[in-house]
Amino acid sequence: MANFLYGLLAGLAVALVIFIVMAVRSSKERKAVKEKEDRLRQMLTDRMELESDGLTKLKKEVEDLKKMNENLRISMQTYAQKPGRKELQRLTVYQTAVDRLIINSPGFGAAWQAALKESEEEFEKTYVGVQAFIRKVIPMKTDAQVITEIEESKDSPTRSMT
């Protein structure tokens, strides 16, 4: 029986040593897991803070852009209401229409360019020198009025014949 007790004690001693080694290893693993968990939590906290700061900055930037957009919209409305702006818009529309006519109508371009050149020369003469004074004092017939009179005279014989 003594051998049995020696064997039992030796087995228990080995089991105790293995138990102690396993406990130490488990403790080290728990410590490592705890450190890793703490590190991950810290990383998560840092990331959430960064994202929160980024989100706050983005919200502020969006708010600033909304304010800027509203200011620009109001400025555009104000600019559109300034005197002369409607006339400029109308001139732009006319210029687009003339460009389309020049492209689409083969004979219109040359006649338009000639009429435009004459009108520009007349405009320059009208606002510079003596002719401006004479035009203001003595109104003259324009080419448009003459053309209208010619068209009316052409229409009147046809009306009398019918």
Protein backbone atom coordinates (compact mmCIF):
# COMPACT_ATOMS: atom_id res chain seq x y z
CA MET A 1 0.00 0.00 0.00
CA ALA A 2 2.90 2.32 0.51
CA ASN A 3 3.71 2.06 -3.17
CA PHE A 4 0.16 2.94 -3.94
CA LEU A 5 0.38 6.02 -1.75
CA TYR A 6 3.72 7.01 -3.29
CA GLY A 7 2.22 6.60 -6.75
CA LEU A 8 -0.85 8.53 -5.73
CA LEU A 9 1.23 11.36 -4.24
CA ALA A 10 3.48 11.44 -7.32
CA GLY A 11 0.40 11.55 -9.58
CA LEU A 12 -1.20 14.28 -7.46
CA ALA A 13 2.07 16.24 -7.47
CA VAL A 14 2.28 16.01 -11.26
CA ALA A 15 -1.41 16.97 -11.53
CA LEU A 16 -0.81 19.88 -9.15
CA VAL A 17 2.19 21.06 -11.19
CA ILE A 18 0.14 20.74 -14.40
CA PHE A 19 -2.76 22.56 -12.73
CA ILE A 20 -0.46 25.39 -11.60
CA VAL A 21 1.12 25.64 -15.06
CA MET A 22 -2.33 25.70 -16.70
CA ALA A 23 -3.57 28.33 -14.21
CA VAL A 24 -0.53 30.53 -14.89
CA ARG A 25 -0.99 30.08 -18.66
CA SER A 26 -4.71 30.81 -18.38
CA SER A 27 -3.96 33.88 -16.30
CA LYS A 28 -1.47 35.10 -18.93
CA GLU A 29 -4.00 34.45 -21.70
CA ARG A 30 -6.70 36.30 -19.79
CA LYS A 31 -4.29 39.19 -19.27
CA ALA A 32 -3.44 39.20 -22.99
CA VAL A 33 -7.13 39.09 -23.92
CA LYS A 34 -7.88 41.85 -21.42
CA GLU A 35 -5.04 44.00 -22.84
CA LYS A 36 -6.22 43.33 -26.37
CA GLU A 37 -9.79 44.17 -25.38
CA ASP A 38 -8.65 47.39 -23.71
CA ARG A 39 -6.58 48.29 -26.80
CA LEU A 40 -9.55 47.58 -29.09
CA ARG A 41 -11.86 49.60 -26.86
CA GLN A 42 -9.40 52.49 -26.90
CA MET A 43 -9.14 52.25 -30.69
CA LEU A 44 -12.92 52.18 -30.98
CA THR A 45 -13.24 55.17 -28.66
CA ASP A 46 -10.62 57.10 -30.65
CA ARG A 47 -12.30 56.22 -33.93
CA MET A 48 -15.73 57.23 -32.62
CA GLU A 49 -14.28 60.55 -31.42
CA LEU A 50 -12.66 61.14 -34.81
CA GLU A 51 -15.85 60.26 -36.65
CA SER A 52 -17.85 62.45 -34.30
CA ASP A 53 -15.47 65.35 -34.93
CA GLY A 54 -15.60 64.68 -38.67
CA LEU A 55 -19.37 64.47 -38.65
CA THR A 56 -19.58 67.70 -36.67
CA LYS A 57 -17.26 69.41 -39.17
CA LEU A 58 -19.30 68.06 -42.10
CA LYS A 59 -22.54 69.26 -40.53
CA LYS A 60 -21.02 72.70 -39.97
CA GLU A 61 -19.71 72.76 -43.55
CA VAL A 62 -23.13 71.73 -44.92
CA GLU A 63 -24.75 74.46 -42.84
CA ASP A 64 -22.23 77.02 -44.12
CA LEU A 65 -22.80 75.87 -47.71
CA LYS A 66 -26.57 76.15 -47.24
CA LYS A 67 -26.14 79.71 -45.95
CA MET A 68 -23.81 80.54 -48.84
CA ASN A 69 -26.27 79.02 -51.33
CA GLU A 70 -29.12 81.07 -49.89
CA ASN A 71 -26.99 84.24 -49.99
CA LEU A 72 -26.06 83.55 -53.61
CA ARG A 73 -29.69 82.88 -54.50
CA ILE A 74 -30.73 86.19 -52.92
CA SER A 75 -27.83 87.97 -54.65
CA MET A 76 -28.90 86.50 -57.99
CA GLN A 77 -32.47 87.65 -57.45
CA THR A 78 -31.25 91.10 -56.48
CA TYR A 79 -28.93 91.21 -59.48
CA ALA A 80 -31.76 90.15 -61.78
CA GLN A 81 -33.91 93.00 -60.42
CA LYS A 82 -31.29 95.71 -61.08
CA PRO A 83 -32.16 98.24 -63.77
CA GLY A 84 -30.99 97.22 -67.21
CA ARG A 85 -30.75 93.53 -66.36
CA LYS A 86 -34.03 92.67 -68.09
CA GLU A 87 -32.83 94.49 -71.19
CA LEU A 88 -29.59 92.50 -71.16
CA GLN A 89 -31.55 89.27 -70.88
CA ARG A 90 -33.78 90.32 -73.77
CA LEU A 91 -30.71 91.23 -75.87
CA THR A 92 -29.23 87.81 -75.16
CA VAL A 93 -32.46 86.19 -76.35
CA TYR A 94 -32.43 88.32 -79.49
CA GLN A 95 -28.80 87.46 -80.17
CA THR A 96 -29.55 83.75 -79.86
CA ALA A 97 -32.49 84.11 -82.26
CA VAL A 98 -30.36 86.00 -84.78
CA ASP A 99 -27.63 83.35 -84.57
CA ARG A 100 -30.21 80.64 -85.28
CA LEU A 101 -31.62 82.59 -88.22
CA ILE A 102 -28.15 83.06 -89.68
CA ILE A 103 -27.55 79.32 -89.48
CA ASN A 104 -30.98 78.20 -90.69
CA SER A 105 -31.77 80.83 -93.37
CA PRO A 106 -29.22 80.95 -96.20
CA GLY A 107 -29.90 84.53 -97.41
CA PHE A 108 -30.49 86.07 -94.03
CA GLY A 109 -26.87 86.15 -92.90
CA ALA A 110 -25.50 88.53 -95.53
CA ALA A 111 -28.47 90.90 -95.32
CA TRP A 112 -28.31 90.87 -91.54
CA GLN A 113 -24.58 91.60 -91.48
CA ALA A 114 -25.02 94.53 -93.89
CA ALA A 115 -27.92 95.97 -91.87
CA LEU A 116 -25.98 95.48 -88.64
CA LYS A 117 -22.91 97.25 -90.03
CA GLU A 118 -25.02 100.22 -91.23
CA SER A 119 -26.78 100.42 -87.88
CA GLU A 120 -23.48 100.39 -86.00
CA GLU A 121 -22.07 103.19 -88.18
CA GLU A 122 -25.26 105.22 -87.73
CA PHE A 123 -25.15 104.63 -83.98
CA GLU A 124 -21.56 105.86 -83.78
CA LYS A 125 -22.38 108.96 -85.85
CA THR A 126 -25.48 109.65 -83.79
CA TYR A 127 -23.68 109.72 -80.46
CA VAL A 128 -20.58 111.58 -81.62
CA GLY A 129 -20.40 115.04 -83.18
CA VAL A 130 -22.87 117.31 -84.94
CA GLN A 131 -25.19 114.62 -86.25
CA ALA A 132 -26.17 113.80 -82.65
CA PHE A 133 -27.26 117.39 -82.11
CA ILE A 134 -29.13 117.52 -85.44
CA ARG A 135 -30.94 114.24 -84.68
CA LYS A 136 -32.06 115.55 -81.34
CA VAL A 137 -33.33 118.82 -82.78
CA ILE A 138 -34.72 117.52 -86.12
CA PRO A 139 -35.97 113.94 -85.96
CA MET A 140 -35.31 112.09 -89.21
CA LYS A 141 -36.98 109.08 -90.78
CA THR A 142 -35.18 105.84 -90.12
CA ASP A 143 -34.75 103.09 -92.67
CA ALA A 144 -37.36 101.09 -90.76
CA GLN A 145 -39.95 103.85 -91.22
CA VAL A 146 -39.12 104.11 -94.92
CA ILE A 147 -39.48 100.34 -95.38
CA THR A 148 -42.87 100.43 -93.62
CA GLU A 149 -44.05 103.23 -95.92
CA ILE A 150 -42.90 101.28 -98.99
CA GLU A 151 -44.73 98.17 -97.81
CA GLU A 152 -47.89 100.20 -97.14
CA SER A 153 -47.74 101.73 -100.63
CA LYS A 154 -47.37 98.24 -102.15
CA ASP A 155 -50.37 96.97 -100.15
CA SER A 156 -52.66 99.88 -101.02
CA PRO A 157 -52.81 99.28 -104.87
CA THR A 158 -53.69 95.64 -104.30
CA ARG A 159 -56.46 96.63 -101.93
CA SER A 160 -57.96 99.05 -104.41
CA MET A 161 -57.96 96.40 -107.16
CA THR A 162 -59.94 93.90 -105.14
